[in-house]
PDB file of N, CA and C in Angstrom:
ATOM      1  N   UNK A   1       0.802  -1.197   0.000  1.00  0.00           N
ATOM      2  CA  UNK A   1       0.000   0.000   0.000  1.00  0.00           C
ATOM      3  C   UNK A   1       0.853   1.273   0.000  1.00  0.00           C
ATOM      4  N   UNK A   2       1.980   1.317   0.729  1.00  0.00           N
ATOM      5  CA  UNK A   2       2.800   2.532   0.659  1.00  0.00           C
ATOM      6  C   UNK A   2       3.286   2.843  -0.755  1.00  0.00           C
ATOM      7  N   UNK A   3       3.519   1.813  -1.568  1.00  0.00           N
ATOM      8  CA  UNK A   3       3.948   2.060  -2.947  1.00  0.00           C
ATOM      9  C   UNK A   3       2.857   2.757  -3.746  1.00  0.00           C
ATOM     10  N   UNK A   4       1.619   2.349  -3.547  1.00  0.00           N
ATOM     11  CA  UNK A   4       0.496   2.993  -4.245  1.00  0.00           C
ATOM     12  C   UNK A   4       0.340   4.436  -3.784  1.00  0.00           C
ATOM     13  N   UNK A   5       0.525   4.686  -2.491  1.00  0.00           N
ATOM     14  CA  UNK A   5       0.407   6.046  -1.975  1.00  0.00           C
ATOM     15  C   UNK A   5       1.510   6.941  -2.522  1.00  0.00           C
ATOM     16  N   UNK A   6       2.711   6.412  -2.646  1.00  0.00           N
ATOM     17  CA  UNK A   6       3.808   7.194  -3.220  1.00  0.00           C
ATOM     18  C   UNK A   6       3.525   7.491  -4.688  1.00  0.00           C
ATOM     19  N   UNK A   7       2.948   6.544  -5.395  1.00  0.00           N
ATOM     20  CA  UNK A   7       2.572   6.778  -6.788  1.00  0.00           C
ATOM     21  C   UNK A   7       1.528   7.887  -6.892  1.00  0.00           C
ATOM     22  N   UNK A   8       0.548   7.877  -6.001  1.00  0.00           N
ATOM     23  CA  UNK A   8      -0.460   8.943  -5.972  1.00  0.00           C
ATOM     24  C   UNK A   8       0.203  10.284  -5.688  1.00  0.00           C
ATOM     25  N   UNK A   9       1.161  10.303  -4.780  1.00  0.00           N
ATOM     26  CA  UNK A   9       1.877  11.547  -4.461  1.00  0.00           C
ATOM     27  C   UNK A   9       2.660  12.043  -5.668  1.00  0.00           C
ATOM     28  N   UNK A  10       3.319  11.144  -6.367  1.00  0.00           N
ATOM     29  CA  UNK A  10       4.109  11.542  -7.527  1.00  0.00           C
ATOM     30  C   UNK A  10       3.237  12.046  -8.671  1.00  0.00           C
ATOM     31  N   UNK A  11       1.989  11.618  -8.701  1.00  0.00           N
ATOM     32  CA  UNK A  11       1.069  12.127  -9.703  1.00  0.00           C
ATOM     33  C   UNK A  11       0.582  13.531  -9.379  1.00  0.00           C
ATOM     34  N   UNK A  12       0.951  14.042  -8.217  1.00  0.00           N
ATOM     35  CA  UNK A  12       0.621  15.417  -7.867  1.00  0.00           C
ATOM     36  C   UNK A  12      -0.417  15.565  -6.777  1.00  0.00           C
ATOM     37  N   UNK A  13      -0.676  14.509  -6.032  1.00  0.00           N
ATOM     38  CA  UNK A  13      -1.673  14.558  -4.980  1.00  0.00           C
ATOM     39  C   UNK A  13      -1.081  14.114  -3.638  1.00  0.00           C
ATOM     40  N   UNK A  14      -0.151  14.892  -3.061  1.00  0.00           N
ATOM     41  CA  UNK A  14       0.496  14.438  -1.827  1.00  0.00           C
ATOM     42  C   UNK A  14      -0.456  14.370  -0.636  1.00  0.00           C
ATOM     43  N   UNK A  15      -1.453  15.250  -0.590  1.00  0.00           N
ATOM     44  CA  UNK A  15      -2.393  15.202   0.533  1.00  0.00           C
ATOM     45  C   UNK A  15      -3.256  13.940   0.476  1.00  0.00           C
ATOM     46  N   UNK A  16      -3.659  13.552  -0.707  1.00  0.00           N
ATOM     47  CA  UNK A  16      -4.415  12.315  -0.865  1.00  0.00           C
ATOM     48  C   UNK A  16      -3.546  11.111  -0.478  1.00  0.00           C
ATOM     49  N   UNK A  17      -2.283  11.158  -0.853  1.00  0.00           N
ATOM     50  CA  UNK A  17      -1.374  10.068  -0.494  1.00  0.00           C
ATOM     51  C   UNK A  17      -1.214   9.969   1.022  1.00  0.00           C
ATOM     52  N   UNK A  18      -1.101  11.109   1.696  1.00  0.00           N
ATOM     53  CA  UNK A  18      -1.003  11.089   3.150  1.00  0.00           C
ATOM     54  C   UNK A  18      -2.268  10.521   3.783  1.00  0.00           C
ATOM     55  N   UNK A  19      -3.417  10.899   3.261  1.00  0.00           N
ATOM     56  CA  UNK A  19      -4.664  10.347   3.792  1.00  0.00           C
ATOM     57  C   UNK A  19      -4.728   8.829   3.598  1.00  0.00           C
ATOM     58  N   UNK A  20      -4.284   8.359   2.430  1.00  0.00           N
ATOM     59  CA  UNK A  20      -4.256   6.911   2.186  1.00  0.00           C
ATOM     60  C   UNK A  20      -3.312   6.201   3.155  1.00  0.00           C
ATOM     61  N   UNK A  21      -2.129   6.770   3.332  1.00  0.00           N
ATOM     62  CA  UNK A  21      -1.161   6.158   4.246  1.00  0.00           C
ATOM     63  C   UNK A  21      -1.674   6.151   5.676  1.00  0.00           C
ATOM     64  N   UNK A  22      -2.300   7.235   6.074  1.00  0.00           N
ATOM     65  CA  UNK A  22      -2.754   7.371   7.452  1.00  0.00           C
ATOM     66  C   UNK A  22      -3.944   6.460   7.738  1.00  0.00           C
ATOM     67  N   UNK A  23      -4.852   6.352   6.787  1.00  0.00           N
ATOM     68  CA  UNK A  23      -6.072   5.600   7.052  1.00  0.00           C
ATOM     69  C   UNK A  23      -5.926   4.093   6.854  1.00  0.00           C
ATOM     70  N   UNK A  24      -4.998   3.661   6.027  1.00  0.00           N
ATOM     71  CA  UNK A  24      -4.968   2.238   5.705  1.00  0.00           C
ATOM     72  C   UNK A  24      -3.694   1.503   6.112  1.00  0.00           C
ATOM     73  N   UNK A  25      -2.674   2.214   6.572  1.00  0.00           N
ATOM     74  CA  UNK A  25      -1.443   1.536   6.986  1.00  0.00           C
ATOM     75  C   UNK A  25      -0.939   2.133   8.298  1.00  0.00           C
ATOM     76  N   UNK A  26       0.109   1.547   8.820  1.00  0.00           N
ATOM     77  CA  UNK A  26       0.770   2.122   9.996  1.00  0.00           C
ATOM     78  C   UNK A  26       2.122   2.746   9.612  1.00  0.00           C
ATOM     79  N   UNK A  27       2.254   3.092   8.343  1.00  0.00           N
ATOM     80  CA  UNK A  27       3.518   3.613   7.811  1.00  0.00           C
ATOM     81  C   UNK A  27       3.939   4.907   8.509  1.00  0.00           C
ATOM     82  N   UNK A  28       2.997   5.814   8.720  1.00  0.00           N
ATOM     83  CA  UNK A  28       3.317   7.082   9.380  1.00  0.00           C
ATOM     84  C   UNK A  28       3.572   6.879  10.866  1.00  0.00           C
ATOM     85  N   UNK A  29       2.846   5.968  11.491  1.00  0.00           N
ATOM     86  CA  UNK A  29       3.064   5.683  12.914  1.00  0.00           C
ATOM     87  C   UNK A  29       4.427   5.040  13.134  1.00  0.00           C
ATOM     88  N   UNK A  30       4.860   4.175  12.228  1.00  0.00           N
ATOM     89  CA  UNK A  30       6.197   3.572  12.349  1.00  0.00           C
ATOM     90  C   UNK A  30       7.298   4.609  12.216  1.00  0.00           C
ATOM     91  N   UNK A  31       6.998   5.699  11.521  1.00  0.00           N
ATOM     92  CA  UNK A  31       7.979   6.772  11.370  1.00  0.00           C
ATOM     93  C   UNK A  31       7.998   7.684  12.596  1.00  0.00           C
ATOM     94  N   UNK A  32       7.090   7.451  13.538  1.00  0.00           N
ATOM     95  CA  UNK A  32       7.047   8.268  14.736  1.00  0.00           C
ATOM     96  C   UNK A  32       6.132   9.472  14.616  1.00  0.00           C
ATOM     97  N   UNK A  33       5.302   9.487  13.606  1.00  0.00           N
ATOM     98  CA  UNK A  33       4.370  10.594  13.419  1.00  0.00           C
ATOM     99  C   UNK A  33       3.025  10.218  14.021  1.00  0.00           C
ATOM    100  N   UNK A  34       2.648  10.946  15.063  1.00  0.00           N
ATOM    101  CA  UNK A  34       1.342  10.736  15.662  1.00  0.00           C
ATOM    102  C   UNK A  34       0.272  11.455  14.865  1.00  0.00           C
ATOM    103  N   UNK A  35      -0.937  11.409  15.373  1.00  0.00           N
ATOM    104  CA  UNK A  35      -2.062  12.025  14.670  1.00  0.00           C
ATOM    105  C   UNK A  35      -1.883  13.536  14.536  1.00  0.00           C
ATOM    106  N   UNK A  36      -1.364  14.177  15.555  1.00  0.00           N
ATOM    107  CA  UNK A  36      -1.178  15.631  15.499  1.00  0.00           C
ATOM    108  C   UNK A  36      -0.181  16.053  14.436  1.00  0.00           C
ATOM    109  N   UNK A  37       0.958  15.384  14.401  1.00  0.00           N
ATOM    110  CA  UNK A  37       1.979  15.730  13.405  1.00  0.00           C
ATOM    111  C   UNK A  37       1.506  15.389  11.993  1.00  0.00           C
ATOM    112  N   UNK A  38       0.769  14.310  11.875  1.00  0.00           N
ATOM    113  CA  UNK A  38       0.246  13.945  10.563  1.00  0.00           C
ATOM    114  C   UNK A  38      -0.746  14.988  10.066  1.00  0.00           C
ATOM    115  N   UNK A  39      -1.622  15.465  10.940  1.00  0.00           N
ATOM    116  CA  UNK A  39      -2.569  16.507  10.546  1.00  0.00           C
ATOM    117  C   UNK A  39      -1.858  17.799  10.164  1.00  0.00           C
ATOM    118  N   UNK A  40      -0.857  18.186  10.944  1.00  0.00           N
ATOM    119  CA  UNK A  40      -0.086  19.382  10.595  1.00  0.00           C
ATOM    120  C   UNK A  40       0.623  19.206   9.254  1.00  0.00           C
ATOM    121  N   UNK A  41       1.182  18.036   9.030  1.00  0.00           N
ATOM    122  CA  UNK A  41       1.832  17.763   7.756  1.00  0.00           C
ATOM    123  C   UNK A  41       0.848  17.747   6.607  1.00  0.00           C
ATOM    124  N   UNK A  42      -0.327  17.238   6.857  1.00  0.00           N
ATOM    125  CA  UNK A  42      -1.372  17.191   5.838  1.00  0.00           C
ATOM    126  C   UNK A  42      -1.777  18.590   5.398  1.00  0.00           C
ATOM    127  N   UNK A  43      -1.837  19.515   6.342  1.00  0.00           N
ATOM    128  CA  UNK A  43      -2.277  20.873   6.033  1.00  0.00           C
ATOM    129  C   UNK A  43      -1.142  21.728   5.477  1.00  0.00           C
ATOM    130  N   UNK A  44       0.035  21.684   6.101  1.00  0.00           N
ATOM    131  CA  UNK A  44       1.086  22.644   5.782  1.00  0.00           C
ATOM    132  C   UNK A  44       2.210  22.112   4.891  1.00  0.00           C
ATOM    133  N   UNK A  45       2.744  20.933   5.173  1.00  0.00           N
ATOM    134  CA  UNK A  45       3.914  20.413   4.460  1.00  0.00           C
ATOM    135  C   UNK A  45       3.723  18.939   4.067  1.00  0.00           C
ATOM    136  N   UNK A  46       2.872  18.672   3.102  1.00  0.00           N
ATOM    137  CA  UNK A  46       2.608  17.258   2.776  1.00  0.00           C
ATOM    138  C   UNK A  46       3.815  16.528   2.189  1.00  0.00           C
ATOM    139  N   UNK A  47       4.566  17.159   1.293  1.00  0.00           N
ATOM    140  CA  UNK A  47       5.737  16.498   0.701  1.00  0.00           C
ATOM    141  C   UNK A  47       6.797  16.210   1.765  1.00  0.00           C
ATOM    142  N   UNK A  48       6.994  17.149   2.670  1.00  0.00           N
ATOM    143  CA  UNK A  48       7.994  16.961   3.727  1.00  0.00           C
ATOM    144  C   UNK A  48       7.579  15.830   4.659  1.00  0.00           C
ATOM    145  N   UNK A  49       6.300  15.726   4.953  1.00  0.00           N
ATOM    146  CA  UNK A  49       5.808  14.652   5.817  1.00  0.00           C
ATOM    147  C   UNK A  49       6.019  13.292   5.161  1.00  0.00           C
ATOM    148  N   UNK A  50       5.733  13.197   3.877  1.00  0.00           N
ATOM    149  CA  UNK A  50       5.965  11.945   3.159  1.00  0.00           C
ATOM    150  C   UNK A  50       7.458  11.623   3.117  1.00  0.00           C
ATOM    151  N   UNK A  51       8.282  12.631   2.849  1.00  0.00           N
ATOM    152  CA  UNK A  51       9.732  12.414   2.786  1.00  0.00           C
ATOM    153  C   UNK A  51      10.279  11.977   4.139  1.00  0.00           C
ATOM    154  N   UNK A  52       9.764  12.556   5.218  1.00  0.00           N
ATOM    155  CA  UNK A  52      10.206  12.156   6.558  1.00  0.00           C
ATOM    156  C   UNK A  52       9.837  10.697   6.831  1.00  0.00           C
ATOM    157  N   UNK A  53       8.622  10.310   6.470  1.00  0.00           N
ATOM    158  CA  UNK A  53       8.200   8.926   6.690  1.00  0.00           C
ATOM    159  C   UNK A  53       9.058   7.954   5.883  1.00  0.00           C
ATOM    160  N   UNK A  54       9.365   8.316   4.643  1.00  0.00           N
ATOM    161  CA  UNK A  54      10.224   7.457   3.817  1.00  0.00           C
ATOM    162  C   UNK A  54      11.628   7.391   4.409  1.00  0.00           C
ATOM    163  N   UNK A  55      12.147   8.526   4.872  1.00  0.00           N
ATOM    164  CA  UNK A  55      13.489   8.542   5.462  1.00  0.00           C
ATOM    165  C   UNK A  55      13.548   7.660   6.709  1.00  0.00           C
ATOM    166  N   UNK A  56      12.534   7.728   7.540  1.00  0.00           N
ATOM    167  CA  UNK A  56      12.536   6.940   8.772  1.00  0.00           C
ATOM    168  C   UNK A  56      12.312   5.449   8.500  1.00  0.00           C
ATOM    169  N   UNK A  57      11.412   5.140   7.591  1.00  0.00           N
ATOM    170  CA  UNK A  57      11.057   3.728   7.368  1.00  0.00           C
ATOM    171  C   UNK A  57      11.974   3.011   6.387  1.00  0.00           C
ATOM    172  N   UNK A  58      12.425   3.699   5.365  1.00  0.00           N
ATOM    173  CA  UNK A  58      13.160   3.020   4.296  1.00  0.00           C
ATOM    174  C   UNK A  58      14.652   3.340   4.270  1.00  0.00           C
ATOM    175  N   UNK A  59      15.036   4.522   4.719  1.00  0.00           N
ATOM    176  CA  UNK A  59      16.428   4.961   4.568  1.00  0.00           C
ATOM    177  C   UNK A  59      17.220   4.970   5.872  1.00  0.00           C
ATOM    178  N   UNK A  60      16.651   4.473   6.935  1.00  0.00           N
ATOM    179  CA  UNK A  60      17.395   4.330   8.177  1.00  0.00           C
ATOM    180  C   UNK A  60      17.489   5.577   9.027  1.00  0.00           C
ATOM    181  N   UNK A  61      16.619   6.522   8.852  1.00  0.00           N
ATOM    182  CA  UNK A  61      16.614   7.714   9.702  1.00  0.00           C
ATOM    183  C   UNK A  61      17.123   8.950   8.991  1.00  0.00           C
ATOM    184  N   UNK A  62      17.313   9.985   9.797  1.00  0.00           N
ATOM    185  CA  UNK A  62      17.710  11.279   9.238  1.00  0.00           C
ATOM    186  C   UNK A  62      19.220  11.455   9.230  1.00  0.00           C
ATOM    187  N   UNK A  63      19.871  10.657   8.447  1.00  0.00           N
ATOM    188  CA  UNK A  63      21.293  10.836   8.170  1.00  0.00           C
ATOM    189  C   UNK A  63      21.572  10.269   6.792  1.00  0.00           C
ATOM    190  N   UNK A  64      22.483  10.871   6.098  1.00  0.00           N
ATOM    191  CA  UNK A  64      22.805  10.428   4.739  1.00  0.00           C
ATOM    192  C   UNK A  64      21.669  10.685   3.772  1.00  0.00           C
ATOM    193  N   UNK A  65      21.172   9.605   3.161  1.00  0.00           N
ATOM    194  CA  UNK A  65      20.107   9.731   2.174  1.00  0.00           C
ATOM    195  C   UNK A  65      18.794  10.194   2.783  1.00  0.00           C
ATOM    196  N   UNK A  66      18.602   9.949   4.067  1.00  0.00           N
ATOM    197  CA  UNK A  66      17.395  10.416   4.736  1.00  0.00           C
ATOM    198  C   UNK A  66      17.310  11.933   4.774  1.00  0.00           C
ATOM    199  N   UNK A  67      18.437  12.574   5.015  1.00  0.00           N
ATOM    200  CA  UNK A  67      18.475  14.044   4.996  1.00  0.00           C
ATOM    201  C   UNK A  67      18.229  14.557   3.577  1.00  0.00           C
ATOM    202  N   UNK A  68      18.785  13.865   2.599  1.00  0.00           N
ATOM    203  CA  UNK A  68      18.561  14.268   1.207  1.00  0.00           C
ATOM    204  C   UNK A  68      17.083  14.151   0.839  1.00  0.00           C
ATOM    205  N   UNK A  69      16.425  13.082   1.277  1.00  0.00           N
ATOM    206  CA  UNK A  69      14.999  12.921   0.999  1.00  0.00           C
ATOM    207  C   UNK A  69      14.185  14.014   1.663  1.00  0.00           C
ATOM    208  N   UNK A  70      14.538  14.363   2.897  1.00  0.00           N
ATOM    209  CA  UNK A  70      13.836  15.431   3.597  1.00  0.00           C
ATOM    210  C   UNK A  70      14.052  16.774   2.906  1.00  0.00           C
ATOM    211  N   UNK A  71      15.249  17.020   2.418  1.00  0.00           N
ATOM    212  CA  UNK A  71      15.526  18.265   1.697  1.00  0.00           C
ATOM    213  C   UNK A  71      14.716  18.350   0.406  1.00  0.00           C
ATOM    214  N   UNK A  72      14.580  17.230  -0.291  1.00  0.00           N
ATOM    215  CA  UNK A  72      13.762  17.214  -1.507  1.00  0.00           C
ATOM    216  C   UNK A  72      12.301  17.500  -1.156  1.00  0.00           C
ATOM    217  N   UNK A  73      11.823  16.939  -0.060  1.00  0.00           N
ATOM    218  CA  UNK A  73      10.460  17.216   0.382  1.00  0.00           C
ATOM    219  C   UNK A  73      10.241  18.684   0.688  1.00  0.00           C
ATOM    220  N   UNK A  74      11.197  19.291   1.368  1.00  0.00           N
ATOM    221  CA  UNK A  74      11.094  20.734   1.658  1.00  0.00           C
ATOM    222  C   UNK A  74      11.120  21.563   0.389  1.00  0.00           C
ATOM    223  N   UNK A  75      11.977  21.193  -0.551  1.00  0.00           N
ATOM    224  CA  UNK A  75      12.027  21.927  -1.817  1.00  0.00           C
ATOM    225  C   UNK A  75      10.713  21.818  -2.582  1.00  0.00           C
ATOM    226  N   UNK A  76      10.113  20.644  -2.570  1.00  0.00           N
ATOM    227  CA  UNK A  76       8.833  20.474  -3.256  1.00  0.00           C
ATOM    228  C   UNK A  76       7.724  21.275  -2.580  1.00  0.00           C
ATOM    229  N   UNK A  77       7.756  21.351  -1.248  1.00  0.00           N
ATOM    230  CA  UNK A  77       6.730  22.116  -0.542  1.00  0.00           C
ATOM    231  C   UNK A  77       6.882  23.614  -0.747  1.00  0.00           C
ATOM    232  N   UNK A  78       8.102  24.098  -0.711  1.00  0.00           N
ATOM    233  CA  UNK A  78       8.309  25.542  -0.764  1.00  0.00           C
ATOM    234  C   UNK A  78       8.605  26.079  -2.156  1.00  0.00           C
ATOM    235  N   UNK A  79       9.001  25.252  -3.066  1.00  0.00           N
ATOM    236  CA  UNK A  79       9.335  25.758  -4.393  1.00  0.00           C
ATOM    237  C   UNK A  79       9.053  24.771  -5.487  1.00  0.00           C
ATOM    238  N   UNK A  80       7.996  24.026  -5.313  1.00  0.00           N
ATOM    239  CA  UNK A  80       7.654  23.016  -6.298  1.00  0.00           C
ATOM    240  C   UNK A  80       7.250  23.625  -7.628  1.00  0.00           C
ATOM    241  N   UNK A  81       7.090  22.802  -8.620  1.00  0.00           N
ATOM    242  CA  UNK A  81       6.772  23.296  -9.965  1.00  0.00           C
ATOM    243  C   UNK A  81       5.421  24.005 -10.040  1.00  0.00           C
ATOM    244  N   UNK A  82       4.498  23.695  -9.161  1.00  0.00           N
ATOM    245  CA  UNK A  82       3.191  24.337  -9.195  1.00  0.00           C
ATOM    246  C   UNK A  82       3.020  25.376  -8.101  1.00  0.00           C
ATOM    247  N   UNK A  83       4.017  25.545  -7.270  1.00  0.00           N
ATOM    248  CA  UNK A  83       3.898  26.491  -6.163  1.00  0.00           C
ATOM    249  C   UNK A  83       4.894  27.618  -6.290  1.00  0.00           C
ATOM    250  N   UNK A  84       4.820  28.516  -5.366  1.00  0.00           N
ATOM    251  CA  UNK A  84       5.761  29.620  -5.362  1.00  0.00           C
ATOM    252  C   UNK A  84       5.288  30.800  -6.171  1.00  0.00           C
ATOM    253  N   UNK A  85       5.880  31.920  -5.920  1.00  0.00           N
ATOM    254  CA  UNK A  85       5.493  33.169  -6.567  1.00  0.00           C
ATOM    255  C   UNK A  85       5.897  33.194  -8.038  1.00  0.00           C
ATOM    256  N   UNK A  86       6.978  32.557  -8.403  1.00  0.00           N
ATOM    257  CA  UNK A  86       7.489  32.620  -9.777  1.00  0.00           C
ATOM    258  C   UNK A  86       6.548  32.033 -10.808  1.00  0.00           C
ATOM    259  N   UNK A  87       5.763  31.037 -10.440  1.00  0.00           N
ATOM    260  CA  UNK A  87       4.881  30.413 -11.425  1.00  0.00           C
ATOM    261  C   UNK A  87       3.620  31.230 -11.666  1.00  0.00           C
ATOM    262  N   UNK A  88       3.339  32.219 -10.821  1.00  0.00           N
ATOM    263  CA  UNK A  88       2.140  33.018 -10.992  1.00  0.00           C
ATOM    264  C   UNK A  88       2.423  34.378 -11.611  1.00  0.00           C
ATOM    265  N   UNK A  89       3.645  34.626 -12.013  1.00  0.00           N
ATOM    266  CA  UNK A  89       3.982  35.913 -12.627  1.00  0.00           C
ATOM    267  C   UNK A  89       3.351  36.044 -13.994  1.00  0.00           C
ATOM    268  N   UNK A  90       3.006  37.244 -14.315  1.00  0.00           N
ATOM    269  CA  UNK A  90       2.398  37.485 -15.638  1.00  0.00           C
ATOM    270  C   UNK A  90       3.351  38.189 -16.549  1.00  0.00           C
TER     271      UNK A  90
END
């Protein structure tokens, strides 16, 4: 199921992917994200929340590739291809 949720996220729906992960698996709980942090991630930083869960569950924590995954999540949240001030310029 986490693979399907990541596919949904890559298609451009990270909030839907987080809802799928939260409602049908324990993937976010294994990463140490409780309900409060998951809700905050769902509202404010969905890509970063997914990247953190992947770093904790698949990459062995926040060192090495885990930090790189978290940085990519932050970049997608704050400067993704559909977000940011630059894409709305006329």
